[in-house]
Protein backbone atom coordinates (compact mmCIF):
# COMPACT_ATOMS: atom_id res chain seq x y z
CA MET A 1 97.14 117.74 80.25
CA ASN A 2 100.85 117.97 81.20
CA SER A 3 102.38 115.97 83.86
CA GLU A 4 105.34 113.88 84.51
CA TYR A 5 103.43 111.42 86.75
CA THR A 6 103.98 107.73 85.72
CA GLN A 7 100.82 106.92 83.72
CA ASP A 8 102.23 104.02 81.40
CA VAL A 9 101.47 101.46 83.91
CA ALA A 10 97.81 101.37 86.05
CA PHE A 11 98.07 101.99 89.69
CA ASN A 12 96.73 98.76 91.49
CA SER A 13 94.86 100.61 94.29
CA ASP A 14 93.40 99.20 97.35
CA PHE A 15 90.36 100.27 99.43
CA GLY A 16 91.16 103.33 101.61
CA ALA A 17 89.57 102.20 104.79
CA LEU A 18 90.85 105.38 106.68
CA GLN A 19 89.17 107.81 104.16
CA THR A 20 85.48 106.29 104.64
CA PRO A 21 83.08 108.90 105.85
CA VAL A 22 82.36 106.89 109.14
CA HIS A 23 86.01 106.49 109.99
CA LEU A 24 86.64 110.47 109.38
CA ALA A 25 83.66 111.36 111.47
CA THR A 26 85.05 109.25 114.31
CA ALA A 27 88.43 110.92 114.01
CA ALA A 28 86.73 114.19 114.33
CA LEU A 29 84.76 113.13 117.36
CA LEU A 30 87.68 111.90 119.10
CA SER A 31 89.46 115.28 118.39
CA GLY A 32 86.64 117.31 120.02
CA TRP A 33 84.69 118.11 117.09
CA ASP A 34 81.22 117.50 116.02
CA ALA A 35 80.41 114.40 113.96
CA ALA A 36 80.05 114.80 110.20
CA LYS A 37 77.45 113.33 108.24
CA TYR A 38 78.01 109.56 107.44
CA SER A 39 74.58 108.49 106.83
CA GLY A 40 71.69 109.73 104.70
CA HIS A 41 72.51 112.25 102.05
CA PHE A 42 75.98 113.75 101.70
CA ARG A 43 78.43 114.85 99.00
CA TYR A 44 81.92 113.23 98.77
CA LEU A 45 84.74 114.13 96.48
CA ASP A 46 87.87 112.03 95.98
CA LEU A 47 90.85 113.83 94.20
CA ALA A 48 93.27 111.38 92.42
CA CYS A 49 90.81 108.47 92.81
CA GLY A 50 92.78 105.83 91.05
CA ASN A 51 90.70 103.28 89.61
CA GLY A 52 87.78 103.96 91.73
CA HIS A 53 88.13 100.87 94.05
CA THR A 54 87.36 102.84 97.12
CA LEU A 55 84.79 105.17 95.56
CA THR A 56 82.69 102.09 94.10
CA LEU A 57 82.39 100.46 97.41
CA LEU A 58 81.53 103.66 99.07
CA ALA A 59 79.00 104.59 96.58
CA ASP A 60 77.32 101.09 97.26
CA ALA A 61 77.37 101.44 100.98
CA TYR A 62 75.97 104.94 100.82
CA PRO A 63 73.06 104.66 98.32
CA ASP A 64 71.69 108.15 99.20
CA ALA A 65 75.05 110.02 99.07
CA GLU A 66 76.76 111.42 95.88
CA PHE A 67 80.36 110.56 94.84
CA VAL A 68 82.62 112.19 92.49
CA GLY A 69 86.19 110.85 91.35
CA LEU A 70 88.96 112.79 89.72
CA ASP A 71 92.00 111.22 88.23
CA ILE A 72 94.59 111.95 85.67
CA ASN A 73 94.83 108.54 84.11
CA PRO A 74 92.07 107.69 81.70
CA VAL A 75 92.81 104.10 82.11
CA HIS A 76 91.71 104.58 85.86
CA ILE A 77 88.60 106.52 84.95
CA GLU A 78 87.63 103.79 82.62
CA GLN A 79 88.09 101.17 85.10
CA GLY A 80 86.06 102.98 87.69
CA GLN A 81 83.20 103.79 85.10
CA THR A 82 83.03 100.07 84.13
CA LEU A 83 82.92 98.84 87.59
CA ALA A 84 80.25 101.40 88.57
CA ARG A 85 78.16 100.54 85.37
CA GLU A 86 78.50 96.88 86.39
CA GLY A 87 77.43 97.33 89.90
CA LYS A 88 74.48 99.49 88.63
CA LEU A 89 75.60 102.59 90.77
CA ASP A 90 73.76 105.88 89.72
CA ASN A 91 75.38 108.03 92.44
CA LEU A 92 78.91 107.96 91.37
CA THR A 93 80.60 110.20 88.52
CA PHE A 94 84.24 109.99 87.42
CA ILE A 95 86.09 112.86 85.86
CA CYS A 96 89.49 112.57 84.02
CA THR A 97 91.53 115.64 84.61
CA ASP A 98 94.85 116.96 85.98
CA ILE A 99 94.56 118.41 89.53
CA ALA A 100 96.38 121.63 87.97
CA ASP A 101 93.14 122.04 85.83
CA ALA A 102 90.44 120.92 88.49
CA SER A 103 89.67 124.41 89.41
CA ALA A 104 87.95 125.06 86.13
CA LEU A 105 85.22 122.37 87.09
CA ASN A 106 84.09 124.65 89.89
CA LEU A 107 83.27 121.75 92.27
CA THR A 108 81.30 123.11 95.34
CA GLY A 109 79.11 121.99 98.24
CA PHE A 110 81.02 118.68 99.12
CA ASP A 111 80.83 117.49 102.91
CA TYR A 112 83.92 115.47 102.29
CA CYS A 113 87.05 115.83 100.12
CA THR A 114 89.87 113.45 100.26
CA ALA A 115 93.44 113.19 98.50
CA SER A 116 95.05 109.79 99.28
CA GLY A 117 98.36 108.60 98.01
CA VAL A 118 98.99 111.75 95.79
CA TYR A 119 100.27 114.70 97.55
CA SER A 120 103.98 113.63 98.25
CA TRP A 121 103.96 112.41 94.44
CA LEU A 122 102.93 116.07 92.82
CA ASP A 123 105.15 119.09 91.97
CA GLU A 124 104.90 122.19 94.37
CA ASN A 125 102.19 123.81 91.82
CA ARG A 126 100.00 120.85 91.79
CA GLN A 127 100.25 120.51 95.79
CA ALA A 128 99.06 124.20 95.98
CA ALA A 129 96.36 123.58 93.54
CA LEU A 130 95.03 120.52 95.60
CA PHE A 131 94.65 122.96 98.45
CA ASP A 132 92.84 125.29 96.60
CA VAL A 133 90.60 122.80 94.97
CA ALA A 134 89.66 121.01 98.29
CA ASN A 135 88.99 124.42 99.86
CA HIS A 136 86.87 125.47 97.26
CA ALA A 137 85.01 122.27 96.93
CA LEU A 138 84.12 121.91 100.70
CA ALA A 139 80.95 123.19 102.39
CA GLN A 140 81.04 124.93 105.74
CA GLY A 141 81.80 122.21 108.20
CA GLY A 142 83.19 120.04 105.55
CA LEU A 143 86.27 117.57 106.34
CA PHE A 144 89.36 117.20 104.08
CA PHE A 145 91.41 114.12 104.28
CA LEU A 146 95.13 114.28 103.27
CA ASP A 147 97.93 111.87 103.66
CA TYR A 148 101.50 112.61 102.74
CA CYS A 149 105.01 111.44 103.41
CA ALA A 150 106.19 113.10 106.44
CA LEU A 151 109.42 113.61 108.40
CA PRO A 152 111.12 112.14 110.37
CA GLY A 153 109.98 108.69 109.49
CA ILE A 154 110.21 108.92 105.73
CA THR A 155 113.76 109.92 105.62
CA GLN A 156 115.33 106.42 104.89
CA ASN A 157 112.53 105.33 102.35
CA ALA A 158 112.88 108.68 100.48
CA THR A 159 116.56 108.26 100.21
CA LEU A 160 115.93 104.72 99.06
CA TYR A 161 113.43 106.14 96.44
CA GLY A 162 116.05 108.71 95.24
CA MET A 163 118.45 106.05 94.62
CA LEU A 164 116.00 104.13 92.47
CA GLN A 165 115.02 107.03 90.54
CA GLN A 166 118.49 108.05 89.81
CA LEU A 167 119.33 104.35 88.65
CA SER A 168 116.43 104.09 86.64
CA SER A 169 117.47 106.68 84.08
CA GLU A 170 120.08 104.10 83.09
CA TYR A 171 117.23 101.90 81.59
CA SER A 172 114.80 101.96 78.79
CA GLY A 173 111.33 100.97 78.46
CA SER A 174 108.10 101.37 80.64
CA SER A 175 108.26 102.61 84.12
CA ALA A 176 108.02 99.17 85.32
CA GLU A 177 111.00 97.92 83.36
CA LYS A 178 113.14 100.86 84.53
CA LEU A 179 112.33 100.09 88.05
CA LYS A 180 113.01 96.52 87.65
CA GLY A 181 116.51 97.12 86.35
CA ALA A 182 117.32 99.74 88.90
CA SER A 183 116.09 97.37 91.66
CA GLN A 184 118.17 94.59 90.30
CA LEU A 185 121.35 96.90 90.10
CA LEU A 186 120.68 98.11 93.78
CA ALA A 187 120.23 94.45 94.71
CA GLU A 188 123.55 93.57 93.91
CA VAL A 189 124.91 96.25 96.07
CA LYS A 190 122.82 95.21 98.87
CA SER A 191 123.82 91.62 98.80
CA ASN A 192 127.46 92.49 98.75
CA ASN A 193 126.95 94.20 102.05
CA GLY A 194 126.45 97.52 100.92
CA GLN A 195 126.72 100.01 103.82
CA PHE A 196 123.62 101.94 103.14
CA PHE A 197 121.37 98.87 103.75
CA GLN A 198 123.52 97.56 106.68
CA GLN A 199 123.20 101.07 108.54
CA ASN A 200 119.45 101.63 107.52
CA SER A 201 117.28 99.06 108.71
CA GLN A 202 114.00 100.91 107.77
CA ALA A 203 115.12 101.18 104.15
CA ASN A 204 116.53 97.54 104.09
CA GLU A 205 113.02 96.17 104.99
CA ARG A 206 111.11 98.48 102.49
CA PHE A 207 113.62 97.34 99.72
CA ASP A 208 112.94 93.64 100.50
CA ARG A 209 109.42 94.28 100.17
CA LEU A 210 109.87 96.14 96.91
CA LEU A 211 111.78 93.33 95.39
CA ALA A 212 108.99 90.73 96.35
CA ASN A 213 106.52 92.95 94.69
CA PRO A 214 105.67 93.23 90.88
CA PRO A 215 107.43 96.18 89.55
CA GLU A 216 104.10 97.39 87.89
CA ASP A 217 102.64 97.74 91.63
CA GLU A 218 105.65 99.67 92.74
CA ALA A 219 106.37 101.90 89.96
CA HIS A 220 103.84 104.67 90.95
CA GLU A 221 105.20 105.13 94.32
CA VAL A 222 108.89 104.75 93.77
CA LEU A 223 109.26 106.63 90.67
CA ASN A 224 107.18 109.51 91.52
CA LEU A 225 107.72 110.26 95.15
CA GLN A 226 108.94 113.86 95.44
CA ALA A 227 112.11 114.01 97.47
CA ARG A 228 111.11 117.03 99.52
CA SER A 229 109.25 115.34 102.28
CA VAL A 230 107.82 117.70 104.84
CA TRP A 231 107.20 118.18 108.67
CA SER A 232 103.62 118.03 109.47
CA ARG A 233 103.73 121.67 110.85
CA ASP A 234 104.21 122.93 107.39
CA ILE A 235 101.18 121.23 105.90
CA ILE A 236 99.09 122.34 108.95
CA ALA A 237 100.32 125.92 108.16
CA LYS A 238 99.47 125.71 104.41
CA ALA A 239 96.09 124.32 105.23
CA GLU A 240 95.56 127.26 107.72
CA ASP A 241 96.50 129.59 104.87
CA VAL A 242 93.54 128.48 102.54
CA GLY A 243 91.11 128.32 105.54
CA LEU A 244 91.25 124.76 106.45
CA ALA A 245 91.67 124.30 110.43
CA PHE A 246 93.41 121.11 111.56
CA VAL A 247 91.26 118.73 113.29
CA GLY A 248 93.09 115.43 113.83
CA SER A 249 94.32 112.28 112.61
CA ALA A 250 92.65 109.38 110.78
CA GLY A 251 94.95 107.15 112.78
CA LEU A 252 92.55 107.25 115.66
CA HIS A 253 94.97 106.51 118.49
CA HIS A 254 96.91 109.75 117.64
CA ASN A 255 93.93 111.69 118.64
CA LEU A 256 94.31 110.90 122.23
CA GLU A 257 97.73 112.41 123.45
CA GLU A 258 97.94 110.06 126.42
CA PHE A 259 98.44 107.08 124.00
CA SER A 260 101.63 108.67 123.09
CA ALA A 261 102.84 109.16 126.51
CA HIS A 262 104.74 105.90 126.78
CA LEU A 263 107.02 107.02 123.69
CA GLY A 264 108.21 110.17 125.53
CA LEU A 265 105.59 112.72 124.62
CA PRO A 266 106.39 115.65 126.81
CA LYS A 267 103.81 115.88 129.57
CA ASN A 268 103.71 119.84 129.14
CA SER A 269 103.19 119.35 125.34
CA GLN A 270 99.59 121.04 125.87
CA GLN A 271 101.22 124.43 126.33
CA PHE A 272 102.34 124.32 122.79
CA SER A 273 100.70 125.20 119.44
CA THR A 274 98.64 122.39 117.62
CA ALA A 275 101.44 122.26 115.04
CA THR A 276 104.15 121.84 117.59
CA ARG A 277 102.12 119.06 119.41
CA GLN A 278 101.80 117.05 116.11
CA MET A 279 105.41 117.59 115.34
CA LEU A 280 106.34 116.18 118.79
CA GLN A 281 103.94 113.16 118.41
CA ASP A 282 105.58 112.50 114.87
CA ILE A 283 108.88 112.14 116.43
CA ALA A 284 107.60 110.02 119.29
CA TRP A 285 106.16 107.50 116.93
CA ASN A 286 108.74 108.11 113.91
CA VAL A 287 105.62 108.70 111.63
CA ALA A 288 106.49 108.33 107.94
CA GLN A 289 102.94 108.70 106.41
CA ARG A 290 100.66 111.40 107.99
CA LYS A 291 96.91 111.07 107.46
CA ASP A 292 95.50 114.63 108.38
CA ILE A 293 92.03 115.75 108.74
CA TYR A 294 90.91 119.38 108.14
CA CYS A 295 87.58 121.20 108.48
CA LYS A 296 86.29 124.30 106.80
CA GLY A 297 84.91 127.01 108.52
CA CYS A 298 84.32 125.51 111.93
CA LYS A 299 85.60 125.22 115.53
CA PRO A 300 85.72 122.33 117.91
CA SER A 301 82.84 121.57 120.02
CA THR A 302 82.23 122.51 123.70
CA THR A 303 80.12 119.57 124.40
CA SER A 304 81.48 116.22 125.84
CA ILE A 305 82.11 113.24 123.55
CA LEU A 306 78.97 111.22 125.19
CA GLN A 307 76.86 114.31 124.13
CA ARG A 308 78.31 114.11 120.44
CA VAL A 309 78.09 110.18 120.08
CA GLY A 310 75.52 109.10 122.43
CA ASP A 311 72.84 108.73 119.77
CA CYS A 312 75.05 107.07 117.39
CA HIS A 313 74.78 103.31 116.58
CA PHE A 314 77.80 101.17 117.06
CA TYR A 315 79.54 98.03 115.89
CA PHE A 316 81.63 95.45 117.69
CA ALA A 317 83.34 93.21 115.00
CA PRO A 318 83.58 89.43 115.68
CA GLY A 319 86.52 89.10 118.16
CA ALA A 320 86.95 92.71 118.99
CA LEU A 321 86.28 91.91 122.55
CA SER A 322 88.05 88.89 122.82
CA ASP A 323 90.84 88.47 125.31
CA ALA A 324 93.66 87.92 122.61
CA VAL A 325 92.63 91.10 120.86
CA ILE A 326 92.29 93.38 123.98
CA LYS A 327 95.65 91.73 125.27
CA GLY A 328 97.27 92.91 122.10
CA ILE A 329 95.74 96.44 122.09
CA THR A 330 96.72 97.14 125.74
CA ALA A 331 100.18 95.95 125.02
CA GLN A 332 100.44 98.55 122.27
CA PHE A 333 98.74 101.37 124.06
CA PRO A 334 99.71 101.17 127.86
CA ALA A 335 97.09 104.15 128.39
CA ALA A 336 94.21 102.16 127.37
CA SER A 337 93.67 101.67 131.16
CA LEU A 338 90.25 100.85 131.04
CA LEU A 339 90.13 97.97 128.61
CA THR A 340 90.46 95.76 131.66
CA PRO A 341 88.91 92.04 131.76
CA SER A 342 86.16 93.04 134.14
CA ILE A 343 85.11 95.93 131.83
CA ILE A 344 85.38 94.07 128.90
CA SER A 345 83.42 91.16 130.19
CA LEU A 346 80.85 93.65 131.03
CA LEU A 347 80.61 95.04 127.57
CA ARG A 348 80.33 91.67 126.02
CA GLN A 349 77.06 91.06 127.72
CA HIS A 350 75.55 94.17 126.15
CA LYS A 351 77.29 94.41 122.75
CA HIS A 352 73.98 94.07 120.89
CA CYS A 353 72.57 97.39 122.25
CA SER A 354 71.45 99.79 119.70
CA THR A 355 73.13 103.05 120.52
CA ILE A 356 76.04 104.21 122.62
CA ASN A 357 73.91 105.83 125.24
CA GLU A 358 71.95 102.46 125.62
CA LEU A 359 75.24 100.50 125.87
CA VAL A 360 76.62 102.96 128.49
CA ALA A 361 73.36 102.93 130.55
CA HIS A 362 73.12 99.08 130.75
CA PHE A 363 77.16 98.80 131.41
CA CYS A 364 76.96 101.42 134.15
CA GLN A 365 73.68 99.65 135.86
CA GLN A 366 75.37 96.25 135.78
CA TYR A 367 78.92 97.84 136.90
CA GLN A 368 77.05 99.56 139.97
CA GLN A 369 75.30 96.02 140.79
CA LYS A 370 78.56 94.22 140.54
CA THR A 371 80.69 96.82 142.44
CA GLY A 372 78.55 98.63 144.58
CA HIS A 373 80.10 101.87 143.03
CA ASP A 374 78.99 104.32 140.09
CA PHE A 375 81.04 104.11 137.12
CA LEU A 376 82.69 107.76 136.64
CA GLU A 377 84.73 107.37 133.46
CA LYS A 378 82.11 106.82 130.84
CA GLU A 379 83.95 109.62 128.61
CA LYS A 380 87.15 108.07 128.93
CA LEU A 381 86.02 104.54 128.18
CA ILE A 382 84.10 105.59 124.95
CA ASN A 383 87.27 107.61 123.90
CA GLN A 384 89.48 104.42 124.33
CA LEU A 385 87.02 102.16 122.77
CA LEU A 386 86.78 104.36 119.75
CA ALA A 387 90.46 105.51 119.38
CA THR A 388 91.58 101.46 119.75
CA ARG A 389 88.79 100.66 116.94
CA VAL A 390 87.40 97.97 119.45
CA MET A 391 84.17 99.87 118.84
CA SER A 392 83.11 101.28 115.36
CA LEU A 393 80.30 103.55 114.68
CA ALA A 394 77.74 102.30 112.54
CA ASN A 395 74.86 103.39 110.22
CA PRO A 396 71.20 103.07 111.75
CA VAL A 397 69.44 100.34 109.95
CA GLU A 398 66.28 98.13 110.52
CA ALA A 399 66.57 94.99 112.56
CA PRO A 400 67.14 92.33 109.75
CA LEU A 401 64.82 89.58 108.84
CA GLN A 402 65.65 86.06 110.18
CA GLN A 403 63.60 83.85 107.99
CA GLY A 404 63.16 83.17 104.38
CA SER A 405 65.58 82.62 101.48
CA LEU A 406 69.03 84.26 101.52
CA TYR A 407 70.19 86.54 98.65
CA MET A 408 72.79 89.20 98.15
CA PRO A 409 70.92 92.54 97.57
CA SER A 410 74.02 94.43 96.05
CA VAL A 411 74.76 94.10 92.32
CA LEU A 412 78.26 95.41 92.98
CA ASN A 413 79.02 92.74 95.72
CA GLN A 414 77.68 90.08 93.37
CA THR A 415 80.25 91.64 90.76
CA LEU A 416 83.18 91.76 93.10
CA LEU A 417 82.45 88.21 94.42
CA LYS A 418 82.62 86.96 90.74
CA GLN A 419 85.33 89.28 89.64
CA ASP A 420 87.87 88.52 92.55
CA ILE A 421 87.21 84.69 93.08
CA HIS A 422 90.70 83.81 91.43
CA LEU A 423 92.49 85.99 94.05
CA GLU A 424 93.69 84.18 97.33
CA HIS A 425 93.87 87.25 99.63
CA GLY A 426 91.04 88.79 101.21
CA ARG A 427 88.86 90.64 98.90
CA PRO A 428 86.32 93.36 99.88
CA LEU A 429 82.42 93.42 99.82
CA ALA A 430 80.55 96.70 100.69
CA SER A 431 78.54 96.86 103.90
CA PRO A 432 75.89 99.67 104.25
CA VAL A 433 75.61 99.01 108.07
CA ILE A 434 79.27 99.77 108.90
CA GLY A 435 79.85 102.09 106.02
CA THR A 436 83.00 100.39 104.86
CA ARG A 437 84.03 97.35 103.33
CA LEU A 438 84.35 93.69 104.87
CA LEU A 439 87.28 91.81 103.89
CA LEU A 440 86.61 87.92 103.26
CA PRO A 441 89.22 85.12 102.69
CA ILE A 442 89.01 82.89 99.60
CA LYS A 443 87.33 80.00 101.51
CA ASP A 444 84.49 82.07 102.87
CA ARG A 445 84.06 83.60 99.45
CA LEU A 446 83.70 80.28 97.92
CA TYR A 447 80.99 79.19 100.55
CA LEU A 448 79.30 82.65 99.95
CA TRP A 449 79.55 81.95 96.01
CA ALA A 450 77.81 78.46 96.71
CA LEU A 451 75.17 80.19 98.72
CA VAL A 452 74.43 83.30 96.22
CA PHE A 453 75.13 81.46 92.87
CA GLY A 454 74.48 77.98 93.66
CA ASP A 455 77.07 76.35 91.16
CA VAL A 456 80.23 76.32 93.16
CA GLY A 457 81.64 74.31 90.07
CA SER A 458 81.54 77.51 88.28
CA ALA A 459 83.94 79.28 90.73
CA TRP A 460 86.43 76.46 90.27
CA ASP A 461 86.36 77.03 86.58
CA GLN A 462 87.45 80.60 87.18
CA MET A 463 90.14 80.08 89.83
CA SER A 464 92.90 79.30 87.38
CA ASP A 465 96.22 78.83 89.01
CA LEU A 466 94.66 79.31 92.40
CA ARG A 467 93.25 75.79 91.94
CA ASN A 468 96.80 74.40 92.75
CA ALA A 469 96.32 75.81 96.39
CA PHE A 470 93.80 73.17 97.13
CA HIS A 471 94.78 69.81 98.48
CA ASP A 472 93.10 66.78 100.29
CA ALA A 473 93.83 65.33 103.74
CA ASN A 474 97.08 63.76 102.28
CA GLY A 475 98.32 66.90 100.67
CA GLN A 476 97.45 65.66 97.13
CA PRO A 477 95.93 67.94 94.58
CA ILE A 478 92.07 67.94 94.26
CA ASP A 479 89.87 67.88 91.12
CA LYS A 480 86.78 69.68 90.32
CA GLN A 481 84.43 67.08 91.66
CA MET A 482 86.25 66.57 94.89
CA PHE A 483 86.42 70.38 95.33
CA VAL A 484 82.58 70.51 94.88
CA SER A 485 82.02 67.89 97.29
CA ILE A 486 84.09 69.63 100.00
CA ILE A 487 82.46 72.82 99.62
CA THR A 488 79.10 71.06 99.82
CA GLN A 489 79.96 69.21 102.85
CA SER A 490 81.42 72.15 104.69
CA GLN A 491 78.63 74.66 103.57
CA PRO A 492 76.53 74.10 106.99
CA ALA A 493 79.31 75.11 109.23
CA PHE A 494 79.70 78.37 107.03
CA ASN A 495 76.10 78.99 107.17
CA GLN A 496 76.17 78.88 110.96
CA ARG A 497 79.44 80.48 111.59
CA VAL A 498 79.61 83.42 109.10
CA VAL A 499 76.14 83.96 107.62
CA PRO A 500 74.56 85.60 110.67
CA GLU A 501 77.39 88.26 110.63
CA LEU A 502 76.77 88.92 106.95
CA VAL A 503 73.06 89.37 107.48
CA ARG A 504 73.86 91.92 110.44
CA LEU A 505 76.19 93.86 108.02
CA GLY A 506 73.53 93.87 105.28
CA ILE A 507 75.69 92.04 102.76
CA LEU A 508 73.16 89.18 102.64
CA GLN A 509 69.42 89.49 103.41
CA TYR A 510 66.41 87.23 103.90
CA ARG A 511 63.52 87.69 101.43
């Protein structure tokens, strides 16, 4: 392999929620396409998979599917393989290779191909190779997810990164050490009223976040970003050249053009090409990071969205239909005109229906009884619920048992629970029901530890510096004995508040 990409520090990747099969299928449905497979057997390829954080969780959530991850960094591949082995996952394969050499693997027959956090960090030859590999790998009707830095929103950050790349050449050592030196030098200019930061608020805010983060976490993005950021219309054209048709955006709200009307999107935009409409939307939202979805060998559906999603199962997350959440959504998206208090109130009464058709039928019946009128905007309502992520599609599962002893069926979730207990921020567990991950804060993970493993004192032993974050009612630090006592006394409240949802999501089960 021969690449200038930074490999001397490991990339601290996070879960790619927007590249999950269920999310990509939802985006396609909102854009007028038929749903791709997101349950049962399918094949999924992740180009530049990093340490496999996303793939391992997906492989656990979709045990009947097959997953393959490629990455140039052998450390990442080893990390992914270790986690897969510890999680006893046999549907996941990692391959160490440069994207420039990936065509030799002759990968074919995949329903999904994703490339997250890599395109804008590749040279032109590897960018072209990525499109070729994705197109060759996908089966007919397969979906390709690609994110990249886009104009006009990336302009200030790209300039900031260019400065840091230039200045880092003045320093020796690892990539992290070079970035640290360059950042400190540029911070001095900023602190003395450097006009670039005074006049470019977006870059100023990004630099503040960069200074607050460990340079090891930032080096991959900052030192590798290719300065030639692009317009989305150029990427759409490149995809078309290899036979991939633009479907829509993984940012679900971007797939309903009315959701951009309040930002000045021209009313006559429909008369222009898809690429031009996307460019106008990018300008309206000042998009800096595009998350495109393409399809190989298929065209949009001619059926309505209800015909395409009616038999799908769905999920309302706790609080998704709360007044506060809906108020925030309608403030952000004024076009979400059907998310009114009266409609949301009726939806709350039927949120435990099995399929979308069943939900719509019950809702319309009660709406007619309450108002004396038929509800005529079923299609629009489903579009708005999905586009705002108030409603999510879910995998069909049998109704969980509600009695017996509780246990955690996933070995991977058990592994992650133990592995991440020293981390304060929310950490993920795989859910086979929603086909993605659930983030749990540290307190809930401690209660879950006590429920699954029994000895919460062993969690205390592994929490290292995080123990200092726990205090008694008077603000004084607590010891292990007091910690165990507090968790034990509060456990019944957790069992009542959180456990039913964890059972619903398949993270916990009754024997």
